């Protein structure tokens, strides 16, 4: 019986983002997964054709149902199929452990489909398409609503077949792990949970084998490192994972030399897995393998997607709230006098200095305020109306709608000495709202509060996804109307 969690797991292997842990990107590569059978490769190739095939098929069915001409050579059809392939092709997962897996799968499909519809609408509005096809409203609505649902169902069906094939038809491969440590233990337990890998870990080899026996009930110590070569030959082991720490370079070299007399495949598990990472992933630089240990999640299409989202939403909000902006500006001018805005120097992306704009909520020059001025200032801060001008910073690209809260430069220089990892939070554009704010962590008056805020920011970097941004924005709106929202 396939449960809801297994459904999410199946869809995640279809290329849709799901939840993952801190080390979710240190997975076996796609070539390793499909090496077992050519049929697995065919399943994966078929997955890339699901979205364009479904999009074309649903359009054809809608035209049959409501009347219309299906032209396979239509530029509209070609553009739609190409966009479907580009936006829905399987790729590296960028899930979030802060979002439920099945919710992330469905929301990811909806977001991608919404982006595809936006592109088609933009192409139509700008008349970029030669000889565009004209479809009736019933056809367009049916196609727009039904296609993402069918994509989900088709992907699920294909991955169910793939999963059942792996479980029932693929030969189980044997594996051992050289070195008993955090990285190797984590790998063994994840391989045990994921039956689709068809890998059975026989146990560990470590030079401390005598003292390690019985330390973990689910761990089997097979011997010392010197016993590994003979064991692999005798038991015809398929894979060896070398999980020795970097300080034992000489031991790794000697072990690899000893294993040259076997036919087992050998994989190295980086010792860096034992450290706390921000967006870990493996890359190649001029053919040399490297492991990212602290990196921004916004690179490539992810960065473009977040920037476009920030710009479009900030512009929309500024246009919609224009009367409110004018009202707040007039209130500030009449109540406090002097300039309407005030500027603050804060640290932005990569620790670069930026200027942030806000409405003034105090008198100029530190002059004493009247009770009325106090009430007006507290009201503006309570509803975060003083932060509305920060939307102009978002349009400039200096801030994001969601991200770690930017602190004053003087405070940042003080905080970086108090909290380990404080500056790492600047690997992301600072935001108007963030994970710390929606969890009611605005105050940094005490070291404990500051530490908690920084940990929220680092968790945001570890688990960033577009869906997490959307969740934070919705929670921010909800919090604005709560009576007990803490003032900054």
Protein backbone atom coordinates (compact mmCIF):
# COMPACT_ATOMS: atom_id res chain seq x y z
CA UNK A 1 0.00 0.00 0.00
CA UNK A 2 1.37 3.43 -0.95
CA UNK A 3 0.95 6.08 1.73
CA UNK A 4 0.77 9.87 1.41
CA UNK A 5 4.45 10.17 2.37
CA UNK A 6 5.45 7.63 -0.28
CA UNK A 7 3.37 9.54 -2.84
CA UNK A 8 5.37 12.67 -2.06
CA UNK A 9 8.58 10.67 -2.30
CA UNK A 10 7.60 9.35 -5.71
CA UNK A 11 6.70 12.79 -6.99
CA UNK A 12 9.94 14.20 -5.60
CA UNK A 13 11.84 11.79 -7.80
CA UNK A 14 9.86 13.24 -10.70
CA UNK A 15 11.84 16.44 -10.25
CA UNK A 16 9.43 18.35 -8.01
CA UNK A 17 10.79 19.93 -4.83
CA UNK A 18 9.97 18.22 -1.56
CA UNK A 19 11.20 18.42 1.97
CA UNK A 20 14.80 17.54 2.69
CA UNK A 21 17.28 17.65 5.49
CA UNK A 22 20.42 19.69 5.81
CA UNK A 23 22.35 17.30 3.59
CA UNK A 24 19.62 16.77 1.01
CA UNK A 25 21.91 17.72 -1.89
CA UNK A 26 24.56 15.11 -1.07
CA UNK A 27 22.72 12.36 -2.92
CA UNK A 28 23.96 9.77 -5.32
CA UNK A 29 24.13 11.15 -8.80
CA UNK A 30 21.56 10.33 -11.47
CA UNK A 31 24.08 8.15 -13.42
CA UNK A 32 24.54 6.06 -10.28
CA UNK A 33 20.79 5.58 -9.88
CA UNK A 34 20.13 4.50 -13.46
CA UNK A 35 23.25 2.40 -13.83
CA UNK A 36 21.39 -0.65 -12.57
CA UNK A 37 19.10 -0.94 -15.60
CA UNK A 38 18.47 0.65 -18.95
CA UNK A 39 14.76 0.64 -18.09
CA UNK A 40 15.39 3.07 -15.24
CA UNK A 41 17.04 5.41 -17.72
CA UNK A 42 14.02 5.09 -20.01
CA UNK A 43 11.69 5.95 -17.13
CA UNK A 44 13.73 9.06 -16.38
CA UNK A 45 13.77 10.07 -20.06
CA UNK A 46 10.00 9.62 -20.24
CA UNK A 47 9.59 11.90 -17.23
CA UNK A 48 11.06 14.83 -19.18
CA UNK A 49 8.32 14.42 -21.80
CA UNK A 50 5.40 14.29 -19.34
CA UNK A 51 4.65 18.02 -19.13
CA UNK A 52 4.77 18.89 -22.87
CA UNK A 53 2.92 15.68 -23.77
CA UNK A 54 0.18 16.36 -21.22
CA UNK A 55 -0.11 20.02 -22.24
CA UNK A 56 -0.57 19.06 -25.90
CA UNK A 57 -2.90 16.16 -25.07
CA UNK A 58 -5.19 18.20 -22.83
CA UNK A 59 -5.37 20.96 -25.43
CA UNK A 60 -6.30 18.41 -28.10
CA UNK A 61 -9.01 16.95 -25.84
CA UNK A 62 -10.39 20.42 -25.05
CA UNK A 63 -10.57 21.28 -28.75
CA UNK A 64 -12.45 18.04 -29.44
CA UNK A 65 -14.87 18.73 -26.59
CA UNK A 66 -15.62 22.39 -27.32
CA UNK A 67 -14.89 22.59 -31.02
CA UNK A 68 -11.79 23.97 -32.66
CA UNK A 69 -8.96 23.18 -35.04
CA UNK A 70 -5.86 21.37 -33.73
CA UNK A 71 -2.86 22.48 -35.79
CA UNK A 72 0.30 20.54 -34.79
CA UNK A 73 2.45 23.07 -36.69
CA UNK A 74 0.99 26.08 -34.86
CA UNK A 75 3.62 28.44 -33.34
CA UNK A 76 1.40 28.64 -30.25
CA UNK A 77 1.61 24.88 -29.77
CA UNK A 78 5.39 24.82 -30.31
CA UNK A 79 6.01 27.66 -27.84
CA UNK A 80 3.72 26.06 -25.26
CA UNK A 81 5.43 22.67 -25.57
CA UNK A 82 8.90 24.25 -25.29
CA UNK A 83 7.96 26.24 -22.19
CA UNK A 84 6.43 23.11 -20.63
CA UNK A 85 9.64 21.18 -21.20
CA UNK A 86 11.85 23.96 -19.83
CA UNK A 87 9.80 24.67 -16.70
CA UNK A 88 8.89 21.09 -15.75
CA UNK A 89 12.00 19.14 -16.65
CA UNK A 90 13.40 17.15 -13.70
CA UNK A 91 16.32 18.80 -11.99
CA UNK A 92 18.10 19.20 -8.69
CA UNK A 93 15.64 19.37 -5.82
CA UNK A 94 15.47 22.55 -3.81
CA UNK A 95 12.97 21.60 -1.17
CA UNK A 96 12.38 22.97 2.26
CA UNK A 97 12.26 21.01 5.49
CA UNK A 98 9.93 23.74 6.77
CA UNK A 99 7.20 22.87 4.22
CA UNK A 100 5.25 19.54 4.25
CA UNK A 101 6.36 17.33 1.36
CA UNK A 102 3.01 16.78 -0.37
CA UNK A 103 2.11 20.47 -0.05
CA UNK A 104 5.47 21.40 -1.60
CA UNK A 105 4.92 19.02 -4.52
CA UNK A 106 1.49 20.42 -5.38
CA UNK A 107 2.48 24.05 -4.83
CA UNK A 108 5.60 23.59 -6.96
CA UNK A 109 3.54 22.36 -9.90
CA UNK A 110 1.04 25.19 -9.48
CA UNK A 111 3.82 27.80 -9.32
CA UNK A 112 5.54 26.45 -12.43
CA UNK A 113 2.26 26.27 -14.31
CA UNK A 114 1.36 29.82 -13.27
CA UNK A 115 4.74 30.99 -14.57
CA UNK A 116 4.11 29.23 -17.89
CA UNK A 117 0.68 30.88 -18.23
CA UNK A 118 2.27 34.26 -17.43
CA UNK A 119 4.84 33.77 -20.20
CA UNK A 120 2.11 32.84 -22.71
CA UNK A 121 0.03 35.86 -21.66
CA UNK A 122 3.05 38.17 -22.03
CA UNK A 123 3.88 36.78 -25.48
CA UNK A 124 0.27 37.34 -26.57
CA UNK A 125 0.13 40.90 -25.17
CA UNK A 126 3.39 41.94 -26.82
CA UNK A 127 2.43 40.34 -30.16
CA UNK A 128 5.70 38.39 -30.19
CA UNK A 129 4.13 35.31 -31.73
CA UNK A 130 3.75 35.07 -35.53
CA UNK A 131 0.31 33.86 -36.63
CA UNK A 132 -1.00 33.10 -33.11
CA UNK A 133 -3.64 30.40 -32.74
CA UNK A 134 -7.03 31.59 -31.48
CA UNK A 135 -8.86 29.37 -28.99
CA UNK A 136 -12.25 29.86 -27.40
CA UNK A 137 -12.62 30.84 -23.76
CA UNK A 138 -13.92 27.39 -22.79
CA UNK A 139 -10.87 25.75 -24.34
CA UNK A 140 -8.45 28.15 -22.61
CA UNK A 141 -10.04 27.78 -19.17
CA UNK A 142 -10.30 23.99 -19.40
CA UNK A 143 -6.71 23.66 -20.58
CA UNK A 144 -5.37 26.04 -17.90
CA UNK A 145 -7.13 24.23 -15.04
CA UNK A 146 -6.89 20.59 -16.17
CA UNK A 147 -3.29 20.48 -17.36
CA UNK A 148 -1.50 20.85 -13.98
CA UNK A 149 -3.82 18.23 -12.46
CA UNK A 150 -3.08 15.77 -15.24
CA UNK A 151 0.67 16.51 -14.96
CA UNK A 152 0.55 15.57 -11.27
CA UNK A 153 -1.38 12.37 -11.96
CA UNK A 154 0.78 11.35 -14.94
CA UNK A 155 4.01 11.99 -13.02
CA UNK A 156 2.72 10.03 -10.06
CA UNK A 157 1.68 7.10 -12.28
CA UNK A 158 5.05 7.04 -14.06
CA UNK A 159 7.01 7.19 -10.83
CA UNK A 160 4.82 4.47 -9.29
CA UNK A 161 5.73 2.18 -12.20
CA UNK A 162 9.39 3.11 -11.79
CA UNK A 163 9.29 2.47 -8.05
CA UNK A 164 7.56 -0.90 -8.43
CA UNK A 165 10.05 -1.91 -11.11
CA UNK A 166 12.96 -1.03 -8.82
CA UNK A 167 11.49 -2.93 -5.88
CA UNK A 168 10.44 -6.02 -7.81
CA UNK A 169 12.76 -6.45 -10.76
CA UNK A 170 16.15 -4.98 -9.88
CA UNK A 171 18.96 -7.00 -8.36
CA UNK A 172 19.96 -5.79 -4.91
CA UNK A 173 23.56 -4.61 -4.76
CA UNK A 174 25.76 -5.07 -1.73
CA UNK A 175 27.77 -2.25 -0.17
CA UNK A 176 30.15 -1.65 2.73
CA UNK A 177 31.38 1.54 4.36
CA UNK A 178 35.04 2.16 5.24
CA UNK A 179 35.17 4.39 8.29
CA UNK A 180 32.67 4.72 11.11
CA UNK A 181 31.69 8.38 11.48
CA UNK A 182 28.79 10.80 11.22
CA UNK A 183 28.84 10.93 7.40
CA UNK A 184 29.02 7.17 6.90
CA UNK A 185 26.40 6.45 9.55
CA UNK A 186 24.00 9.00 8.03
CA UNK A 187 24.52 7.49 4.58
CA UNK A 188 23.90 3.93 5.80
CA UNK A 189 20.63 4.85 7.51
CA UNK A 190 19.32 6.78 4.51
CA UNK A 191 20.15 3.92 2.16
CA UNK A 192 18.28 1.59 4.49
CA UNK A 193 15.20 3.84 4.38
CA UNK A 194 15.22 4.27 0.59
CA UNK A 195 14.43 0.84 -0.85
CA UNK A 196 14.41 2.18 -4.41
CA UNK A 197 18.21 2.43 -4.33
CA UNK A 198 18.36 -1.37 -4.10
CA UNK A 199 21.48 -1.17 -1.97
CA UNK A 200 22.06 -3.28 1.11
CA UNK A 201 24.80 -2.04 3.45
CA UNK A 202 26.47 -5.09 4.99
CA UNK A 203 28.33 -3.08 7.60
CA UNK A 204 31.35 -0.93 8.49
CA UNK A 205 35.10 -1.37 8.53
CA UNK A 206 37.09 0.72 10.98
CA UNK A 207 40.41 0.39 12.79
CA UNK A 208 38.56 0.93 16.07
CA UNK A 209 36.38 -2.10 15.36
CA UNK A 210 36.97 -3.68 18.76
CA UNK A 211 35.81 -0.66 20.77
CA UNK A 212 32.91 0.12 18.42
CA UNK A 213 31.11 -3.20 18.64
CA UNK A 214 27.72 -2.81 20.28
CA UNK A 215 27.78 1.00 20.38
CA UNK A 216 24.83 1.25 17.97
CA UNK A 217 22.20 -1.52 17.81
CA UNK A 218 21.62 -1.08 14.05
CA UNK A 219 25.33 -0.95 13.10
CA UNK A 220 27.41 -4.00 12.22
CA UNK A 221 31.19 -3.72 12.49
CA UNK A 222 32.75 -6.22 10.08
CA UNK A 223 36.40 -5.66 10.88
CA UNK A 224 39.34 -3.29 10.55
CA UNK A 225 40.33 -1.43 7.39
CA UNK A 226 43.01 -4.01 6.64
CA UNK A 227 40.28 -6.68 6.41
CA UNK A 228 38.27 -4.75 3.81
CA UNK A 229 40.06 -5.96 0.66
CA UNK A 230 39.76 -9.65 1.54
CA UNK A 231 36.10 -9.24 2.51
CA UNK A 232 35.21 -7.51 -0.76
CA UNK A 233 36.87 -10.26 -2.82
CA UNK A 234 35.30 -13.07 -0.83
CA UNK A 235 31.76 -11.64 -0.81
CA UNK A 236 31.92 -10.01 -4.26
CA UNK A 237 30.79 -6.66 -2.83
CA UNK A 238 29.45 -4.23 -5.44
CA UNK A 239 30.13 -0.85 -3.82
CA UNK A 240 32.49 0.62 -1.26
CA UNK A 241 31.89 3.98 0.38
CA UNK A 242 35.05 5.50 1.84
CA UNK A 243 33.98 7.72 4.75
CA UNK A 244 37.32 8.31 6.44
CA UNK A 245 38.10 11.77 7.87
CA UNK A 246 40.34 14.13 5.87
CA UNK A 247 43.08 13.92 8.50
CA UNK A 248 43.63 10.28 7.55
CA UNK A 249 44.80 11.06 4.00
CA UNK A 250 47.58 8.47 4.17
CA UNK A 251 45.12 5.82 5.32
CA UNK A 252 42.75 6.63 2.44
CA UNK A 253 45.61 6.36 -0.07
CA UNK A 254 46.73 2.99 1.28
CA UNK A 255 43.14 1.74 1.32
CA UNK A 256 42.55 2.71 -2.32
CA UNK A 257 45.78 0.98 -3.34
CA UNK A 258 44.63 -2.17 -1.56
CA UNK A 259 41.24 -2.04 -3.30
CA UNK A 260 42.70 -1.83 -6.81
CA UNK A 261 42.67 -5.62 -6.85
CA UNK A 262 38.86 -5.68 -6.66
CA UNK A 263 36.09 -4.91 -9.15
CA UNK A 264 33.95 -2.99 -6.66
CA UNK A 265 32.85 0.56 -7.44
CA UNK A 266 34.33 3.04 -4.96
CA UNK A 267 32.74 6.30 -3.77
CA UNK A 268 34.21 8.87 -1.42
CA UNK A 269 31.96 10.42 1.25
CA UNK A 270 33.31 13.93 2.01
CA UNK A 271 34.37 14.50 5.59
CA UNK A 272 32.74 17.95 5.30
CA UNK A 273 29.34 16.33 5.89
CA UNK A 274 30.09 16.51 9.61
CA UNK A 275 30.04 20.32 9.56
CA UNK A 276 27.12 22.73 9.65
CA UNK A 277 26.45 23.75 6.04
CA UNK A 278 24.55 26.48 4.26
CA UNK A 279 23.24 25.20 0.91
CA UNK A 280 25.76 22.34 0.50
CA UNK A 281 26.31 20.92 -2.97
CA UNK A 282 29.04 19.33 -5.02
CA UNK A 283 30.44 21.05 -8.10
CA UNK A 284 33.37 20.87 -10.49
CA UNK A 285 35.83 23.68 -11.17
CA UNK A 286 37.86 23.02 -14.30
CA UNK A 287 37.40 19.30 -13.77
CA UNK A 288 38.37 19.43 -10.08
CA UNK A 289 35.61 18.29 -7.67
CA UNK A 290 34.75 20.78 -4.91
CA UNK A 291 32.12 20.83 -2.17
CA UNK A 292 30.25 24.05 -1.37
CA UNK A 293 30.05 24.45 2.41
CA UNK A 294 28.55 27.94 2.67
CA UNK A 295 26.79 29.36 -0.38
CA UNK A 296 23.78 31.42 -1.34
CA UNK A 297 20.72 29.44 -2.49
CA UNK A 298 20.05 32.09 -5.15
CA UNK A 299 22.07 31.18 -8.17
CA UNK A 300 20.97 30.67 -11.76
CA UNK A 301 17.23 30.51 -12.37
CA UNK A 302 16.44 30.57 -8.62
CA UNK A 303 17.98 34.02 -8.30
CA UNK A 304 16.19 35.33 -11.38
CA UNK A 305 12.89 33.90 -10.14
CA UNK A 306 13.20 35.56 -6.72
CA UNK A 307 14.23 38.89 -8.24
CA UNK A 308 11.30 38.92 -10.69
CA UNK A 309 8.91 37.98 -7.88
CA UNK A 310 10.28 40.72 -5.62
CA UNK A 311 10.11 43.41 -8.30
CA UNK A 312 6.62 42.56 -9.57
CA UNK A 313 5.06 42.20 -6.11
CA UNK A 314 6.75 45.33 -4.73
CA UNK A 315 5.58 47.36 -7.74
CA UNK A 316 2.05 45.97 -7.41
CA UNK A 317 1.87 46.78 -3.68
CA UNK A 318 3.23 50.31 -4.20
CA UNK A 319 0.61 51.00 -6.87
CA UNK A 320 -2.23 49.52 -4.83
CA UNK A 321 -1.20 51.29 -1.61
CA UNK A 322 -0.45 54.65 -3.19
CA UNK A 323 -3.31 56.41 -1.30
CA UNK A 324 -2.09 54.88 1.98
CA UNK A 325 1.50 55.98 1.26
CA UNK A 326 0.32 59.55 0.68
CA UNK A 327 -1.79 59.45 3.86
CA UNK A 328 1.11 58.18 5.99
CA UNK A 329 3.49 60.73 4.44
CA UNK A 330 1.04 63.58 5.21
CA UNK A 331 0.59 62.28 8.78
CA UNK A 332 4.34 62.17 9.38
CA UNK A 333 4.80 65.65 7.93
CA UNK A 334 2.01 67.21 10.01
CA UNK A 335 2.86 65.36 13.22
CA UNK A 336 6.66 65.42 13.29
CA UNK A 337 7.62 68.12 10.80
CA UNK A 338 10.85 68.00 8.81
CA UNK A 339 11.60 65.33 6.19
CA UNK A 340 9.05 62.55 5.69
CA UNK A 341 11.70 59.83 5.21
CA UNK A 342 14.82 59.00 7.10
CA UNK A 343 17.76 56.97 5.83
CA UNK A 344 19.67 54.23 7.65
CA UNK A 345 22.96 52.62 6.70
CA UNK A 346 22.74 48.84 6.96
CA UNK A 347 24.55 45.78 5.67
CA UNK A 348 23.07 44.17 2.55
CA UNK A 349 23.99 41.20 0.37
CA UNK A 350 27.53 39.91 1.01
CA UNK A 351 27.97 42.53 3.75
CA UNK A 352 27.92 45.50 1.36
CA UNK A 353 26.64 48.78 2.75
CA UNK A 354 23.17 49.89 1.62
CA UNK A 355 20.83 52.77 2.46
CA UNK A 356 17.37 51.81 3.70
CA UNK A 357 14.37 54.20 3.54
CA UNK A 358 11.63 54.37 6.20
CA UNK A 359 8.95 56.79 7.33
CA UNK A 360 10.03 58.86 10.30
CA UNK A 361 8.27 57.97 13.56
CA UNK A 362 10.12 60.43 15.82
CA UNK A 363 11.04 64.08 15.91
CA UNK A 364 14.16 65.30 14.15
CA UNK A 365 17.34 65.84 16.12
CA UNK A 366 16.23 63.83 19.15
CA UNK A 367 13.84 66.50 20.40
CA UNK A 368 11.35 65.55 23.11
CA UNK A 369 8.05 64.20 21.77
CA UNK A 370 4.56 65.00 22.93
CA UNK A 371 2.18 62.19 24.02
CA UNK A 372 0.35 62.59 20.72
CA UNK A 373 3.58 62.12 18.75
CA UNK A 374 4.39 59.04 20.82
CA UNK A 375 1.00 57.50 20.02
CA UNK A 376 1.33 58.22 16.28
CA UNK A 377 4.84 56.77 16.15
CA UNK A 378 3.84 53.63 18.04
CA UNK A 379 0.81 53.16 15.78
CA UNK A 380 2.92 53.38 12.61
CA UNK A 381 5.50 50.95 13.99
CA UNK A 382 2.85 48.57 15.33
CA UNK A 383 1.31 48.11 11.86
CA UNK A 384 4.75 48.29 10.17
CA UNK A 385 3.53 51.25 8.12
CA UNK A 386 6.90 52.94 8.72
CA UNK A 387 8.50 50.13 6.65
CA UNK A 388 6.47 50.80 3.48
CA UNK A 389 9.23 52.93 1.85
CA UNK A 390 11.48 49.86 1.99
CA UNK A 391 9.52 48.65 -1.03
CA UNK A 392 11.51 51.21 -3.04
CA UNK A 393 14.67 49.44 -1.84
CA UNK A 394 13.16 46.21 -3.18
CA UNK A 395 12.67 47.83 -6.61
CA UNK A 396 16.34 48.92 -6.48
CA UNK A 397 17.42 45.35 -5.81
CA UNK A 398 18.99 46.22 -2.46
CA UNK A 399 16.33 44.43 -0.40
CA UNK A 400 14.05 41.47 -0.91
CA UNK A 401 10.48 41.06 0.29
CA UNK A 402 11.60 38.07 2.38
CA UNK A 403 15.01 37.54 3.91
CA UNK A 404 17.11 38.09 7.04
CA UNK A 405 16.31 41.40 8.73
CA UNK A 406 18.96 44.06 7.97
CA UNK A 407 20.52 45.58 11.08
CA UNK A 408 22.24 48.92 11.52
CA UNK A 409 25.93 48.75 10.63
CA UNK A 410 26.98 49.65 14.16
CA UNK A 411 24.77 46.92 15.60
CA UNK A 412 25.99 44.40 13.01
CA UNK A 413 29.62 45.03 13.96
CA UNK A 414 28.68 44.37 17.58
CA UNK A 415 26.53 41.32 16.85
CA UNK A 416 29.16 39.59 14.69
CA UNK A 417 31.40 39.43 17.77
CA UNK A 418 28.66 37.95 19.93
CA UNK A 419 27.06 35.31 17.69
CA UNK A 420 28.96 32.75 15.67
CA UNK A 421 27.80 32.68 12.06
CA UNK A 422 26.12 36.08 12.24
CA UNK A 423 27.65 37.36 8.97
CA UNK A 424 26.65 34.19 7.10
CA UNK A 425 23.07 35.50 7.08
CA UNK A 426 24.26 38.14 4.60
CA UNK A 427 24.64 35.44 1.90
CA UNK A 428 21.01 36.33 1.14
CA UNK A 429 19.47 39.67 0.28
CA UNK A 430 18.05 41.15 3.51
CA UNK A 431 14.27 41.33 3.58
CA UNK A 432 11.41 43.47 4.83
CA UNK A 433 10.05 40.41 6.61
CA UNK A 434 11.58 37.04 7.43
CA UNK A 435 11.39 33.76 9.27
CA UNK A 436 12.41 35.35 12.57
CA UNK A 437 9.72 38.04 12.35
CA UNK A 438 6.84 35.66 11.65
CA UNK A 439 7.98 33.57 14.61
CA UNK A 440 7.66 36.66 16.83
CA UNK A 441 11.42 37.09 17.17
CA UNK A 442 11.82 40.84 16.63
CA UNK A 443 13.63 41.88 19.78
CA UNK A 444 17.40 41.40 20.04
CA UNK A 445 17.73 43.05 23.43
CA UNK A 446 19.26 39.93 25.02
CA UNK A 447 22.05 37.66 23.67
CA UNK A 448 19.64 34.71 23.78
CA UNK A 449 17.16 36.57 21.55
CA UNK A 450 19.91 37.53 19.11
CA UNK A 451 21.13 33.92 18.92
CA UNK A 452 17.58 32.70 18.24
CA UNK A 453 17.07 35.31 15.50
CA UNK A 454 20.31 34.37 13.77
CA UNK A 455 19.40 30.69 13.91
CA UNK A 456 16.05 31.45 12.24
CA UNK A 457 17.90 33.37 9.51
CA UNK A 458 20.38 30.51 8.95
CA UNK A 459 17.52 28.01 8.79
CA UNK A 460 15.93 30.20 6.14
CA UNK A 461 19.14 30.03 4.09
CA UNK A 462 19.38 26.26 4.54
CA UNK A 463 15.80 25.56 3.50
CA UNK A 464 14.96 28.40 1.12
CA UNK A 465 12.34 27.77 -1.55
CA UNK A 466 9.79 29.98 -3.36
CA UNK A 467 7.04 28.26 -1.38
CA UNK A 468 8.75 29.15 1.91
CA UNK A 469 8.85 32.80 0.81
CA UNK A 470 5.13 32.66 0.03
CA UNK A 471 4.37 31.10 3.42
CA UNK A 472 6.36 33.83 5.24
CA UNK A 473 4.59 36.61 3.31
CA UNK A 474 1.17 35.19 4.16
CA UNK A 475 2.09 34.82 7.84
CA UNK A 476 3.38 38.40 7.84
CA UNK A 477 0.01 39.70 6.65
CA UNK A 478 -1.77 37.62 9.31
CA UNK A 479 0.57 38.89 12.05
CA UNK A 480 -0.08 42.52 11.11
CA UNK A 481 -3.66 42.18 12.33
CA UNK A 482 -2.87 40.41 15.59
CA UNK A 483 -3.30 42.57 18.63
CA UNK A 484 -0.33 41.03 20.43
CA UNK A 485 2.19 41.57 17.65
CA UNK A 486 5.42 42.77 19.26
CA UNK A 487 6.57 46.27 18.37
CA UNK A 488 10.02 46.66 16.99
